[in-house]
């Protein structure tokens, strides 16, 4: 799973060669449908909280499947994938729980990266 901070066209085109890698993308990314290009927040604007949908779209000129979920705080969770789009959101939730644990271990009390 690749997070939003690591994305960019060159990095994306390299990683997309590995179909099982999934990418979190930002709401501000431009998605193409072969006719037009719109920001992801517009493409997924119709989602109510807790609602999701899966669409084939171009991200940085490459066709992928984008799974989107409207979170309870109103933000969008967007995952681009070439493999198993129906589980992309659930798989990202597992990754996010690991990310949260790392954050706690590094900075929120345990300070495992502290020099002292």
PDB file of N, CA and C in Angstrom:
ATOM      1  N   UNK A   1       0.840  -1.162   0.000  1.00  0.00           N
ATOM      2  CA  UNK A   1       0.000   0.000   0.000  1.00  0.00           C
ATOM      3  C   UNK A   1       0.892   1.235   0.000  1.00  0.00           C
ATOM      4  N   UNK A   2       0.684   2.118  -0.916  1.00  0.00           N
ATOM      5  CA  UNK A   2       1.454   3.359  -0.980  1.00  0.00           C
ATOM      6  C   UNK A   2       0.575   4.500  -0.474  1.00  0.00           C
ATOM      7  N   UNK A   3       1.135   5.374   0.322  1.00  0.00           N
ATOM      8  CA  UNK A   3       0.372   6.477   0.884  1.00  0.00           C
ATOM      9  C   UNK A   3       0.470   7.699  -0.019  1.00  0.00           C
ATOM     10  N   UNK A   4      -0.392   8.673   0.230  1.00  0.00           N
ATOM     11  CA  UNK A   4      -0.461   9.862  -0.616  1.00  0.00           C
ATOM     12  C   UNK A   4       0.847  10.635  -0.675  1.00  0.00           C
ATOM     13  N   UNK A   5       1.607  10.652   0.394  1.00  0.00           N
ATOM     14  CA  UNK A   5       2.823  11.446   0.432  1.00  0.00           C
ATOM     15  C   UNK A   5       3.879  10.969  -0.566  1.00  0.00           C
ATOM     16  N   UNK A   6       3.767   9.744  -1.017  1.00  0.00           N
ATOM     17  CA  UNK A   6       4.785   9.173  -1.882  1.00  0.00           C
ATOM     18  C   UNK A   6       4.399   9.185  -3.348  1.00  0.00           C
ATOM     19  N   UNK A   7       3.298   9.826  -3.677  1.00  0.00           N
ATOM     20  CA  UNK A   7       2.835   9.766  -5.051  1.00  0.00           C
ATOM     21  C   UNK A   7       3.382  10.894  -5.910  1.00  0.00           C
ATOM     22  N   UNK A   8       3.397  10.626  -7.150  1.00  0.00           N
ATOM     23  CA  UNK A   8       3.826  11.525  -8.194  1.00  0.00           C
ATOM     24  C   UNK A   8       3.855  10.683  -9.450  1.00  0.00           C
ATOM     25  N   UNK A   9       3.820  11.305 -10.587  1.00  0.00           N
ATOM     26  CA  UNK A   9       3.695  10.561 -11.835  1.00  0.00           C
ATOM     27  C   UNK A   9       4.818   9.544 -12.041  1.00  0.00           C
ATOM     28  N   UNK A  10       6.044   9.933 -11.840  1.00  0.00           N
ATOM     29  CA  UNK A  10       7.155   9.010 -12.073  1.00  0.00           C
ATOM     30  C   UNK A  10       7.109   7.831 -11.093  1.00  0.00           C
ATOM     31  N   UNK A  11       6.904   8.107  -9.838  1.00  0.00           N
ATOM     32  CA  UNK A  11       6.818   7.067  -8.807  1.00  0.00           C
ATOM     33  C   UNK A  11       5.630   6.153  -9.083  1.00  0.00           C
ATOM     34  N   UNK A  12       4.498   6.741  -9.436  1.00  0.00           N
ATOM     35  CA  UNK A  12       3.290   5.985  -9.733  1.00  0.00           C
ATOM     36  C   UNK A  12       3.518   5.035 -10.914  1.00  0.00           C
ATOM     37  N   UNK A  13       4.097   5.529 -11.983  1.00  0.00           N
ATOM     38  CA  UNK A  13       4.321   4.686 -13.169  1.00  0.00           C
ATOM     39  C   UNK A  13       5.282   3.542 -12.887  1.00  0.00           C
ATOM     40  N   UNK A  14       6.225   3.770 -11.980  1.00  0.00           N
ATOM     41  CA  UNK A  14       7.129   2.686 -11.586  1.00  0.00           C
ATOM     42  C   UNK A  14       6.368   1.621 -10.792  1.00  0.00           C
ATOM     43  N   UNK A  15       5.621   2.036  -9.783  1.00  0.00           N
ATOM     44  CA  UNK A  15       4.947   1.091  -8.899  1.00  0.00           C
ATOM     45  C   UNK A  15       3.766   0.378  -9.557  1.00  0.00           C
ATOM     46  N   UNK A  16       3.126   1.006 -10.515  1.00  0.00           N
ATOM     47  CA  UNK A  16       1.932   0.427 -11.137  1.00  0.00           C
ATOM     48  C   UNK A  16       2.275  -0.859 -11.896  1.00  0.00           C
ATOM     49  N   UNK A  17       3.555  -1.077 -12.151  1.00  0.00           N
ATOM     50  CA  UNK A  17       3.962  -2.327 -12.808  1.00  0.00           C
ATOM     51  C   UNK A  17       3.743  -3.528 -11.897  1.00  0.00           C
ATOM     52  N   UNK A  18       3.521  -3.271 -10.614  1.00  0.00           N
ATOM     53  CA  UNK A  18       3.263  -4.328  -9.638  1.00  0.00           C
ATOM     54  C   UNK A  18       1.787  -4.268  -9.280  1.00  0.00           C
ATOM     55  N   UNK A  19       0.949  -5.066  -9.955  1.00  0.00           N
ATOM     56  CA  UNK A  19      -0.506  -4.904  -9.862  1.00  0.00           C
ATOM     57  C   UNK A  19      -1.095  -4.989  -8.464  1.00  0.00           C
ATOM     58  N   UNK A  20      -0.461  -5.638  -7.535  1.00  0.00           N
ATOM     59  CA  UNK A  20      -1.060  -5.782  -6.204  1.00  0.00           C
ATOM     60  C   UNK A  20      -0.813  -4.567  -5.320  1.00  0.00           C
ATOM     61  N   UNK A  21      -0.004  -3.624  -5.756  1.00  0.00           N
ATOM     62  CA  UNK A  21       0.225  -2.410  -4.969  1.00  0.00           C
ATOM     63  C   UNK A  21      -0.978  -1.492  -5.116  1.00  0.00           C
ATOM     64  N   UNK A  22      -1.386  -0.914  -4.005  1.00  0.00           N
ATOM     65  CA  UNK A  22      -2.514   0.016  -3.979  1.00  0.00           C
ATOM     66  C   UNK A  22      -2.012   1.377  -3.531  1.00  0.00           C
ATOM     67  N   UNK A  23      -2.710   2.403  -3.938  1.00  0.00           N
ATOM     68  CA  UNK A  23      -2.275   3.773  -3.687  1.00  0.00           C
ATOM     69  C   UNK A  23      -3.394   4.571  -3.071  1.00  0.00           C
ATOM     70  N   UNK A  24      -3.102   5.234  -1.972  1.00  0.00           N
ATOM     71  CA  UNK A  24      -4.028   6.247  -1.482  1.00  0.00           C
ATOM     72  C   UNK A  24      -3.782   7.483  -2.317  1.00  0.00           C
ATOM     73  N   UNK A  25      -4.850   8.108  -2.765  1.00  0.00           N
ATOM     74  CA  UNK A  25      -4.704   9.340  -3.529  1.00  0.00           C
ATOM     75  C   UNK A  25      -5.492  10.445  -2.843  1.00  0.00           C
ATOM     76  N   UNK A  26      -5.106  11.661  -3.131  1.00  0.00           N
ATOM     77  CA  UNK A  26      -5.738  12.837  -2.519  1.00  0.00           C
ATOM     78  C   UNK A  26      -7.034  13.200  -3.237  1.00  0.00           C
ATOM     79  N   UNK A  27      -7.902  13.870  -2.508  1.00  0.00           N
ATOM     80  CA  UNK A  27      -9.139  14.385  -3.095  1.00  0.00           C
ATOM     81  C   UNK A  27      -8.857  15.380  -4.205  1.00  0.00           C
ATOM     82  N   UNK A  28      -7.692  16.009  -4.166  1.00  0.00           N
ATOM     83  CA  UNK A  28      -7.339  17.036  -5.147  1.00  0.00           C
ATOM     84  C   UNK A  28      -6.729  16.455  -6.429  1.00  0.00           C
ATOM     85  N   UNK A  29      -6.491  15.141  -6.474  1.00  0.00           N
ATOM     86  CA  UNK A  29      -5.929  14.538  -7.688  1.00  0.00           C
ATOM     87  C   UNK A  29      -6.929  14.627  -8.825  1.00  0.00           C
ATOM     88  N   UNK A  30      -6.418  14.749 -10.022  1.00  0.00           N
ATOM     89  CA  UNK A  30      -7.260  14.802 -11.209  1.00  0.00           C
ATOM     90  C   UNK A  30      -7.476  13.390 -11.742  1.00  0.00           C
ATOM     91  N   UNK A  31      -8.737  13.065 -11.987  1.00  0.00           N
ATOM     92  CA  UNK A  31      -9.102  11.767 -12.534  1.00  0.00           C
ATOM     93  C   UNK A  31      -9.689  11.953 -13.919  1.00  0.00           C
ATOM     94  N   UNK A  32      -9.279  11.108 -14.859  1.00  0.00           N
ATOM     95  CA  UNK A  32      -9.807  11.182 -16.212  1.00  0.00           C
ATOM     96  C   UNK A  32     -10.723  10.011 -16.506  1.00  0.00           C
ATOM     97  N   UNK A  33     -11.686  10.237 -17.398  1.00  0.00           N
ATOM     98  CA  UNK A  33     -12.583   9.156 -17.800  1.00  0.00           C
ATOM     99  C   UNK A  33     -12.521   8.901 -19.309  1.00  0.00           C
ATOM    100  N   UNK A  34     -11.509   9.449 -19.962  1.00  0.00           N
ATOM    101  CA  UNK A  34     -11.381   9.304 -21.411  1.00  0.00           C
ATOM    102  C   UNK A  34     -11.957  10.474 -22.183  1.00  0.00           C
ATOM    103  N   UNK A  35     -12.827  11.255 -21.531  1.00  0.00           N
ATOM    104  CA  UNK A  35     -13.426  12.430 -22.173  1.00  0.00           C
ATOM    105  C   UNK A  35     -13.066  13.716 -21.462  1.00  0.00           C
ATOM    106  N   UNK A  36     -13.035  13.655 -20.126  1.00  0.00           N
ATOM    107  CA  UNK A  36     -12.758  14.854 -19.348  1.00  0.00           C
ATOM    108  C   UNK A  36     -11.915  14.504 -18.132  1.00  0.00           C
ATOM    109  N   UNK A  37     -11.426  15.539 -17.462  1.00  0.00           N
ATOM    110  CA  UNK A  37     -10.630  15.372 -16.253  1.00  0.00           C
ATOM    111  C   UNK A  37     -11.236  16.238 -15.159  1.00  0.00           C
ATOM    112  N   UNK A  38     -11.516  15.609 -14.014  1.00  0.00           N
ATOM    113  CA  UNK A  38     -12.095  16.313 -12.880  1.00  0.00           C
ATOM    114  C   UNK A  38     -11.345  15.938 -11.614  1.00  0.00           C
ATOM    115  N   UNK A  39     -11.376  16.818 -10.639  1.00  0.00           N
ATOM    116  CA  UNK A  39     -10.798  16.508  -9.337  1.00  0.00           C
ATOM    117  C   UNK A  39     -11.575  15.346  -8.725  1.00  0.00           C
ATOM    118  N   UNK A  40     -10.871  14.498  -7.987  1.00  0.00           N
ATOM    119  CA  UNK A  40     -11.495  13.332  -7.360  1.00  0.00           C
ATOM    120  C   UNK A  40     -12.633  13.751  -6.443  1.00  0.00           C
ATOM    121  N   UNK A  41     -12.492  14.877  -5.744  1.00  0.00           N
ATOM    122  CA  UNK A  41     -13.554  15.321  -4.834  1.00  0.00           C
ATOM    123  C   UNK A  41     -14.853  15.593  -5.595  1.00  0.00           C
ATOM    124  N   UNK A  42     -14.760  15.980  -6.860  1.00  0.00           N
ATOM    125  CA  UNK A  42     -15.951  16.220  -7.669  1.00  0.00           C
ATOM    126  C   UNK A  42     -16.526  14.894  -8.169  1.00  0.00           C
ATOM    127  N   UNK A  43     -15.655  13.993  -8.617  1.00  0.00           N
ATOM    128  CA  UNK A  43     -16.095  12.691  -9.131  1.00  0.00           C
ATOM    129  C   UNK A  43     -16.842  11.899  -8.054  1.00  0.00           C
ATOM    130  N   UNK A  44     -16.397  12.030  -6.807  1.00  0.00           N
ATOM    131  CA  UNK A  44     -17.000  11.281  -5.708  1.00  0.00           C
ATOM    132  C   UNK A  44     -17.894  12.154  -4.823  1.00  0.00           C
ATOM    133  N   UNK A  45     -18.286  13.322  -5.294  1.00  0.00           N
ATOM    134  CA  UNK A  45     -19.071  14.273  -4.495  1.00  0.00           C
ATOM    135  C   UNK A  45     -20.441  13.732  -4.101  1.00  0.00           C
ATOM    136  N   UNK A  46     -20.979  12.803  -4.834  1.00  0.00           N
ATOM    137  CA  UNK A  46     -22.317  12.287  -4.562  1.00  0.00           C
ATOM    138  C   UNK A  46     -22.372  11.281  -3.413  1.00  0.00           C
ATOM    139  N   UNK A  47     -21.225  10.887  -2.874  1.00  0.00           N
ATOM    140  CA  UNK A  47     -21.211   9.891  -1.807  1.00  0.00           C
ATOM    141  C   UNK A  47     -21.678  10.489  -0.474  1.00  0.00           C
ATOM    142  N   UNK A  48     -22.614   9.805   0.163  1.00  0.00           N
ATOM    143  CA  UNK A  48     -23.037  10.168   1.517  1.00  0.00           C
ATOM    144  C   UNK A  48     -22.079   9.505   2.507  1.00  0.00           C
ATOM    145  N   UNK A  49     -22.108   9.938   3.767  1.00  0.00           N
ATOM    146  CA  UNK A  49     -21.231   9.339   4.779  1.00  0.00           C
ATOM    147  C   UNK A  49     -21.461   7.837   4.863  1.00  0.00           C
ATOM    148  N   UNK A  50     -20.347   7.088   4.820  1.00  0.00           N
ATOM    149  CA  UNK A  50     -20.411   5.635   4.879  1.00  0.00           C
ATOM    150  C   UNK A  50     -20.660   4.967   3.543  1.00  0.00           C
ATOM    151  N   UNK A  51     -20.914   5.755   2.511  1.00  0.00           N
ATOM    152  CA  UNK A  51     -21.192   5.214   1.182  1.00  0.00           C
ATOM    153  C   UNK A  51     -19.903   5.124   0.375  1.00  0.00           C
ATOM    154  N   UNK A  52     -19.833   4.123  -0.504  1.00  0.00           N
ATOM    155  CA  UNK A  52     -18.642   3.949  -1.328  1.00  0.00           C
ATOM    156  C   UNK A  52     -19.041   3.619  -2.758  1.00  0.00           C
ATOM    157  N   UNK A  53     -18.075   3.781  -3.653  1.00  0.00           N
ATOM    158  CA  UNK A  53     -18.262   3.336  -5.033  1.00  0.00           C
ATOM    159  C   UNK A  53     -16.898   3.089  -5.651  1.00  0.00           C
ATOM    160  N   UNK A  54     -16.914   2.326  -6.727  1.00  0.00           N
ATOM    161  CA  UNK A  54     -15.697   1.936  -7.424  1.00  0.00           C
ATOM    162  C   UNK A  54     -15.842   2.339  -8.886  1.00  0.00           C
ATOM    163  N   UNK A  55     -14.838   3.055  -9.412  1.00  0.00           N
ATOM    164  CA  UNK A  55     -14.861   3.544 -10.789  1.00  0.00           C
ATOM    165  C   UNK A  55     -13.533   3.275 -11.485  1.00  0.00           C
ATOM    166  N   UNK A  56     -13.582   3.034 -12.772  1.00  0.00           N
ATOM    167  CA  UNK A  56     -12.364   2.978 -13.590  1.00  0.00           C
ATOM    168  C   UNK A  56     -12.054   4.410 -14.013  1.00  0.00           C
ATOM    169  N   UNK A  57     -10.836   4.872 -13.717  1.00  0.00           N
ATOM    170  CA  UNK A  57     -10.423   6.235 -14.052  1.00  0.00           C
ATOM    171  C   UNK A  57      -8.934   6.278 -14.358  1.00  0.00           C
ATOM    172  N   UNK A  58      -8.525   7.337 -15.023  1.00  0.00           N
ATOM    173  CA  UNK A  58      -7.104   7.573 -15.278  1.00  0.00           C
ATOM    174  C   UNK A  58      -6.528   8.416 -14.147  1.00  0.00           C
ATOM    175  N   UNK A  59      -5.398   7.967 -13.631  1.00  0.00           N
ATOM    176  CA  UNK A  59      -4.630   8.723 -12.655  1.00  0.00           C
ATOM    177  C   UNK A  59      -3.246   8.884 -13.256  1.00  0.00           C
ATOM    178  N   UNK A  60      -2.801  10.106 -13.444  1.00  0.00           N
ATOM    179  CA  UNK A  60      -1.525  10.409 -14.095  1.00  0.00           C
ATOM    180  C   UNK A  60      -1.382   9.675 -15.432  1.00  0.00           C
ATOM    181  N   UNK A  61      -2.488   9.626 -16.184  1.00  0.00           N
ATOM    182  CA  UNK A  61      -2.467   9.039 -17.512  1.00  0.00           C
ATOM    183  C   UNK A  61      -2.531   7.519 -17.555  1.00  0.00           C
ATOM    184  N   UNK A  62      -2.701   6.860 -16.428  1.00  0.00           N
ATOM    185  CA  UNK A  62      -2.765   5.404 -16.379  1.00  0.00           C
ATOM    186  C   UNK A  62      -4.133   4.969 -15.859  1.00  0.00           C
ATOM    187  N   UNK A  63      -4.756   4.025 -16.564  1.00  0.00           N
ATOM    188  CA  UNK A  63      -6.067   3.533 -16.134  1.00  0.00           C
ATOM    189  C   UNK A  63      -5.918   2.649 -14.905  1.00  0.00           C
ATOM    190  N   UNK A  64      -6.693   2.940 -13.898  1.00  0.00           N
ATOM    191  CA  UNK A  64      -6.729   2.160 -12.656  1.00  0.00           C
ATOM    192  C   UNK A  64      -8.185   2.089 -12.193  1.00  0.00           C
ATOM    193  N   UNK A  65      -8.413   1.328 -11.153  1.00  0.00           N
ATOM    194  CA  UNK A  65      -9.710   1.311 -10.492  1.00  0.00           C
ATOM    195  C   UNK A  65      -9.568   2.153  -9.226  1.00  0.00           C
ATOM    196  N   UNK A  66     -10.492   3.079  -9.025  1.00  0.00           N
ATOM    197  CA  UNK A  66     -10.457   3.937  -7.837  1.00  0.00           C
ATOM    198  C   UNK A  66     -11.659   3.597  -6.967  1.00  0.00           C
ATOM    199  N   UNK A  67     -11.369   3.167  -5.743  1.00  0.00           N
ATOM    200  CA  UNK A  67     -12.417   2.902  -4.753  1.00  0.00           C
ATOM    201  C   UNK A  67     -12.485   4.110  -3.833  1.00  0.00           C
ATOM    202  N   UNK A  68     -13.679   4.623  -3.628  1.00  0.00           N
ATOM    203  CA  UNK A  68     -13.853   5.793  -2.777  1.00  0.00           C
ATOM    204  C   UNK A  68     -14.861   5.547  -1.679  1.00  0.00           C
ATOM    205  N   UNK A  69     -14.585   6.070  -0.496  1.00  0.00           N
ATOM    206  CA  UNK A  69     -15.477   5.956   0.660  1.00  0.00           C
ATOM    207  C   UNK A  69     -15.569   7.316   1.337  1.00  0.00           C
ATOM    208  N   UNK A  70     -16.786   7.772   1.617  1.00  0.00           N
ATOM    209  CA  UNK A  70     -16.979   9.012   2.367  1.00  0.00           C
ATOM    210  C   UNK A  70     -16.916   8.669   3.859  1.00  0.00           C
ATOM    211  N   UNK A  71     -15.930   9.210   4.544  1.00  0.00           N
ATOM    212  CA  UNK A  71     -15.741   8.938   5.968  1.00  0.00           C
ATOM    213  C   UNK A  71     -16.718   9.749   6.817  1.00  0.00           C
ATOM    214  N   UNK A  72     -16.832   9.403   8.084  1.00  0.00           N
ATOM    215  CA  UNK A  72     -17.774  10.080   8.980  1.00  0.00           C
ATOM    216  C   UNK A  72     -17.466  11.561   9.159  1.00  0.00           C
ATOM    217  N   UNK A  73     -16.198  11.945   9.004  1.00  0.00           N
ATOM    218  CA  UNK A  73     -15.846  13.363   9.145  1.00  0.00           C
ATOM    219  C   UNK A  73     -16.045  14.138   7.841  1.00  0.00           C
ATOM    220  N   UNK A  74     -16.565  13.452   6.810  1.00  0.00           N
ATOM    221  CA  UNK A  74     -16.862  14.106   5.537  1.00  0.00           C
ATOM    222  C   UNK A  74     -15.760  14.016   4.506  1.00  0.00           C
ATOM    223  N   UNK A  75     -14.561  13.600   4.898  1.00  0.00           N
ATOM    224  CA  UNK A  75     -13.469  13.479   3.944  1.00  0.00           C
ATOM    225  C   UNK A  75     -13.632  12.210   3.120  1.00  0.00           C
ATOM    226  N   UNK A  76     -12.892  12.170   2.034  1.00  0.00           N
ATOM    227  CA  UNK A  76     -12.907  10.997   1.156  1.00  0.00           C
ATOM    228  C   UNK A  76     -11.674  10.153   1.384  1.00  0.00           C
ATOM    229  N   UNK A  77     -11.868   8.850   1.425  1.00  0.00           N
ATOM    230  CA  UNK A  77     -10.769   7.899   1.383  1.00  0.00           C
ATOM    231  C   UNK A  77     -10.775   7.352  -0.032  1.00  0.00           C
ATOM    232  N   UNK A  78      -9.673   7.551  -0.754  1.00  0.00           N
ATOM    233  CA  UNK A  78      -9.576   7.131  -2.150  1.00  0.00           C
ATOM    234  C   UNK A  78      -8.387   6.205  -2.321  1.00  0.00           C
ATOM    235  N   UNK A  79      -8.644   5.035  -2.879  1.00  0.00           N
ATOM    236  CA  UNK A  79      -7.598   4.046  -3.095  1.00  0.00           C
ATOM    237  C   UNK A  79      -7.621   3.624  -4.557  1.00  0.00           C
ATOM    238  N   UNK A  80      -6.483   3.801  -5.231  1.00  0.00           N
ATOM    239  CA  UNK A  80      -6.332   3.365  -6.627  1.00  0.00           C
ATOM    240  C   UNK A  80      -5.660   2.000  -6.629  1.00  0.00           C
ATOM    241  N   UNK A  81      -6.158   1.108  -7.467  1.00  0.00           N
ATOM    242  CA  UNK A  81      -5.635  -0.254  -7.499  1.00  0.00           C
ATOM    243  C   UNK A  81      -5.788  -0.860  -8.893  1.00  0.00           C
ATOM    244  N   UNK A  82      -5.052  -1.904  -9.132  1.00  0.00           N
ATOM    245  CA  UNK A  82      -5.196  -2.699 -10.351  1.00  0.00           C
ATOM    246  C   UNK A  82      -5.691  -4.100  -9.990  1.00  0.00           C
ATOM    247  N   UNK A  83      -5.824  -4.379  -8.678  1.00  0.00           N
ATOM    248  CA  UNK A  83      -6.109  -5.726  -8.206  1.00  0.00           C
ATOM    249  C   UNK A  83      -7.151  -5.683  -7.095  1.00  0.00           C
ATOM    250  N   UNK A  84      -8.165  -6.485  -7.178  1.00  0.00           N
ATOM    251  CA  UNK A  84      -9.193  -6.665  -6.156  1.00  0.00           C
ATOM    252  C   UNK A  84      -9.769  -5.342  -5.624  1.00  0.00           C
ATOM    253  N   UNK A  85     -10.385  -4.553  -6.477  1.00  0.00           N
ATOM    254  CA  UNK A  85     -10.908  -3.259  -6.027  1.00  0.00           C
ATOM    255  C   UNK A  85     -11.986  -3.367  -4.958  1.00  0.00           C
ATOM    256  N   UNK A  86     -12.716  -4.470  -4.907  1.00  0.00           N
ATOM    257  CA  UNK A  86     -13.788  -4.620  -3.919  1.00  0.00           C
ATOM    258  C   UNK A  86     -13.252  -4.662  -2.487  1.00  0.00           C
ATOM    259  N   UNK A  87     -11.987  -5.034  -2.314  1.00  0.00           N
ATOM    260  CA  UNK A  87     -11.414  -5.098  -0.963  1.00  0.00           C
ATOM    261  C   UNK A  87     -10.431  -3.961  -0.695  1.00  0.00           C
ATOM    262  N   UNK A  88     -10.274  -3.042  -1.619  1.00  0.00           N
ATOM    263  CA  UNK A  88      -9.268  -1.982  -1.485  1.00  0.00           C
ATOM    264  C   UNK A  88      -9.484  -1.125  -0.240  1.00  0.00           C
ATOM    265  N   UNK A  89     -10.711  -0.742   0.059  1.00  0.00           N
ATOM    266  CA  UNK A  89     -10.995   0.102   1.223  1.00  0.00           C
ATOM    267  C   UNK A  89     -10.730  -0.679   2.514  1.00  0.00           C
ATOM    268  N   UNK A  90     -11.214  -1.916   2.595  1.00  0.00           N
ATOM    269  CA  UNK A  90     -11.001  -2.734   3.793  1.00  0.00           C
ATOM    270  C   UNK A  90      -9.515  -3.014   4.008  1.00  0.00           C
ATOM    271  N   UNK A  91      -8.792  -3.264   2.930  1.00  0.00           N
ATOM    272  CA  UNK A  91      -7.355  -3.512   3.050  1.00  0.00           C
ATOM    273  C   UNK A  91      -6.626  -2.264   3.533  1.00  0.00           C
ATOM    274  N   UNK A  92      -7.069  -1.094   3.076  1.00  0.00           N
ATOM    275  CA  UNK A  92      -6.445   0.148   3.535  1.00  0.00           C
ATOM    276  C   UNK A  92      -6.720   0.377   5.015  1.00  0.00           C
ATOM    277  N   UNK A  93      -7.879  -0.024   5.492  1.00  0.00           N
ATOM    278  CA  UNK A  93      -8.196   0.125   6.920  1.00  0.00           C
ATOM    279  C   UNK A  93      -7.215  -0.677   7.768  1.00  0.00           C
ATOM    280  N   UNK A  94      -6.842  -1.852   7.306  1.00  0.00           N
ATOM    281  CA  UNK A  94      -5.844  -2.659   8.021  1.00  0.00           C
ATOM    282  C   UNK A  94      -4.507  -1.928   8.036  1.00  0.00           C
ATOM    283  N   UNK A  95      -4.116  -1.369   6.893  1.00  0.00           N
ATOM    284  CA  UNK A  95      -2.860  -0.636   6.817  1.00  0.00           C
ATOM    285  C   UNK A  95      -2.890   0.570   7.741  1.00  0.00           C
ATOM    286  N   UNK A  96      -4.028   1.246   7.806  1.00  0.00           N
ATOM    287  CA  UNK A  96      -4.123   2.446   8.626  1.00  0.00           C
ATOM    288  C   UNK A  96      -3.978   2.113  10.104  1.00  0.00           C
ATOM    289  N   UNK A  97      -4.488   0.977  10.539  1.00  0.00           N
ATOM    290  CA  UNK A  97      -4.341   0.608  11.949  1.00  0.00           C
ATOM    291  C   UNK A  97      -2.872   0.372  12.280  1.00  0.00           C
ATOM    292  N   UNK A  98      -2.117  -0.172  11.348  1.00  0.00           N
ATOM    293  CA  UNK A  98      -0.676  -0.367  11.544  1.00  0.00           C
ATOM    294  C   UNK A  98       0.025   0.989  11.590  1.00  0.00           C
ATOM    295  N   UNK A  99      -0.357   1.898  10.703  1.00  0.00           N
ATOM    296  CA  UNK A  99       0.215   3.247  10.663  1.00  0.00           C
ATOM    297  C   UNK A  99      -0.026   3.976  11.986  1.00  0.00           C
ATOM    298  N   UNK A 100      -1.216   3.817  12.534  1.00  0.00           N
ATOM    299  CA  UNK A 100      -1.548   4.434  13.816  1.00  0.00           C
ATOM    300  C   UNK A 100      -0.654   3.884  14.928  1.00  0.00           C
ATOM    301  N   UNK A 101      -0.457   2.572  14.934  1.00  0.00           N
ATOM    302  CA  UNK A 101       0.423   1.959  15.925  1.00  0.00           C
ATOM    303  C   UNK A 101       1.839   2.513  15.813  1.00  0.00           C
ATOM    304  N   UNK A 102       2.367   2.616  14.600  1.00  0.00           N
ATOM    305  CA  UNK A 102       3.713   3.176  14.412  1.00  0.00           C
ATOM    306  C   UNK A 102       3.800   4.590  14.963  1.00  0.00           C
ATOM    307  N   UNK A 103       2.770   5.398  14.705  1.00  0.00           N
ATOM    308  CA  UNK A 103       2.760   6.766  15.216  1.00  0.00           C
ATOM    309  C   UNK A 103       2.819   6.801  16.733  1.00  0.00           C
ATOM    310  N   UNK A 104       2.081   5.922  17.361  1.00  0.00           N
ATOM    311  CA  UNK A 104       2.082   5.851  18.826  1.00  0.00           C
ATOM    312  C   UNK A 104       3.457   5.421  19.335  1.00  0.00           C
ATOM    313  N   UNK A 105       4.030   4.425  18.703  1.00  0.00           N
ATOM    314  CA  UNK A 105       5.328   3.922  19.155  1.00  0.00           C
ATOM    315  C   UNK A 105       6.454   4.934  18.936  1.00  0.00           C
ATOM    316  N   UNK A 106       6.340   5.754  17.907  1.00  0.00           N
ATOM    317  CA  UNK A 106       7.415   6.694  17.590  1.00  0.00           C
ATOM    318  C   UNK A 106       7.314   8.001  18.371  1.00  0.00           C
ATOM    319  N   UNK A 107       6.129   8.575  18.472  1.00  0.00           N
ATOM    320  CA  UNK A 107       6.041   9.938  18.991  1.00  0.00           C
ATOM    321  C   UNK A 107       5.040  10.145  20.112  1.00  0.00           C
ATOM    322  N   UNK A 108       4.081   9.301  20.279  1.00  0.00           N
ATOM    323  CA  UNK A 108       2.987   9.570  21.216  1.00  0.00           C
ATOM    324  C   UNK A 108       3.147   8.778  22.508  1.00  0.00           C
ATOM    325  N   UNK A 109       4.246   8.999  23.203  1.00  0.00           N
ATOM    326  CA  UNK A 109       4.419   8.369  24.500  1.00  0.00           C
ATOM    327  C   UNK A 109       5.569   7.391  24.567  1.00  0.00           C
ATOM    328  N   UNK A 110       5.715   6.529  23.588  1.00  0.00           N
ATOM    329  CA  UNK A 110       6.791   5.545  23.633  1.00  0.00           C
ATOM    330  C   UNK A 110       8.121   6.103  23.147  1.00  0.00           C
ATOM    331  N   UNK A 111       8.084   7.031  22.205  1.00  0.00           N
ATOM    332  CA  UNK A 111       9.270   7.741  21.685  1.00  0.00           C
ATOM    333  C   UNK A 111      10.411   6.788  21.319  1.00  0.00           C
ATOM    334  N   UNK A 112      10.107   5.746  20.596  1.00  0.00           N
ATOM    335  CA  UNK A 112      11.128   4.753  20.243  1.00  0.00           C
ATOM    336  C   UNK A 112      12.242   5.302  19.355  1.00  0.00           C
ATOM    337  N   UNK A 113      11.991   6.400  18.669  1.00  0.00           N
ATOM    338  CA  UNK A 113      13.033   6.995  17.825  1.00  0.00           C
ATOM    339  C   UNK A 113      13.801   8.095  18.539  1.00  0.00           C
ATOM    340  N   UNK A 114      13.497   8.320  19.802  1.00  0.00           N
ATOM    341  CA  UNK A 114      14.179   9.350  20.587  1.00  0.00           C
ATOM    342  C   UNK A 114      15.635   8.973  20.790  1.00  0.00           C
ATOM    343  N   UNK A 115      16.561   9.935  20.683  1.00  0.00           N
ATOM    344  CA  UNK A 115      17.989   9.635  20.840  1.00  0.00           C
ATOM    345  C   UNK A 115      18.379   9.300  22.290  1.00  0.00           C
ATOM    346  N   UNK A 116      17.523   9.593  23.244  1.00  0.00           N
ATOM    347  CA  UNK A 116      17.868   9.307  24.653  1.00  0.00           C
ATOM    348  C   UNK A 116      17.220   8.053  25.152  1.00  0.00           C
TER     349      UNK A 116
END
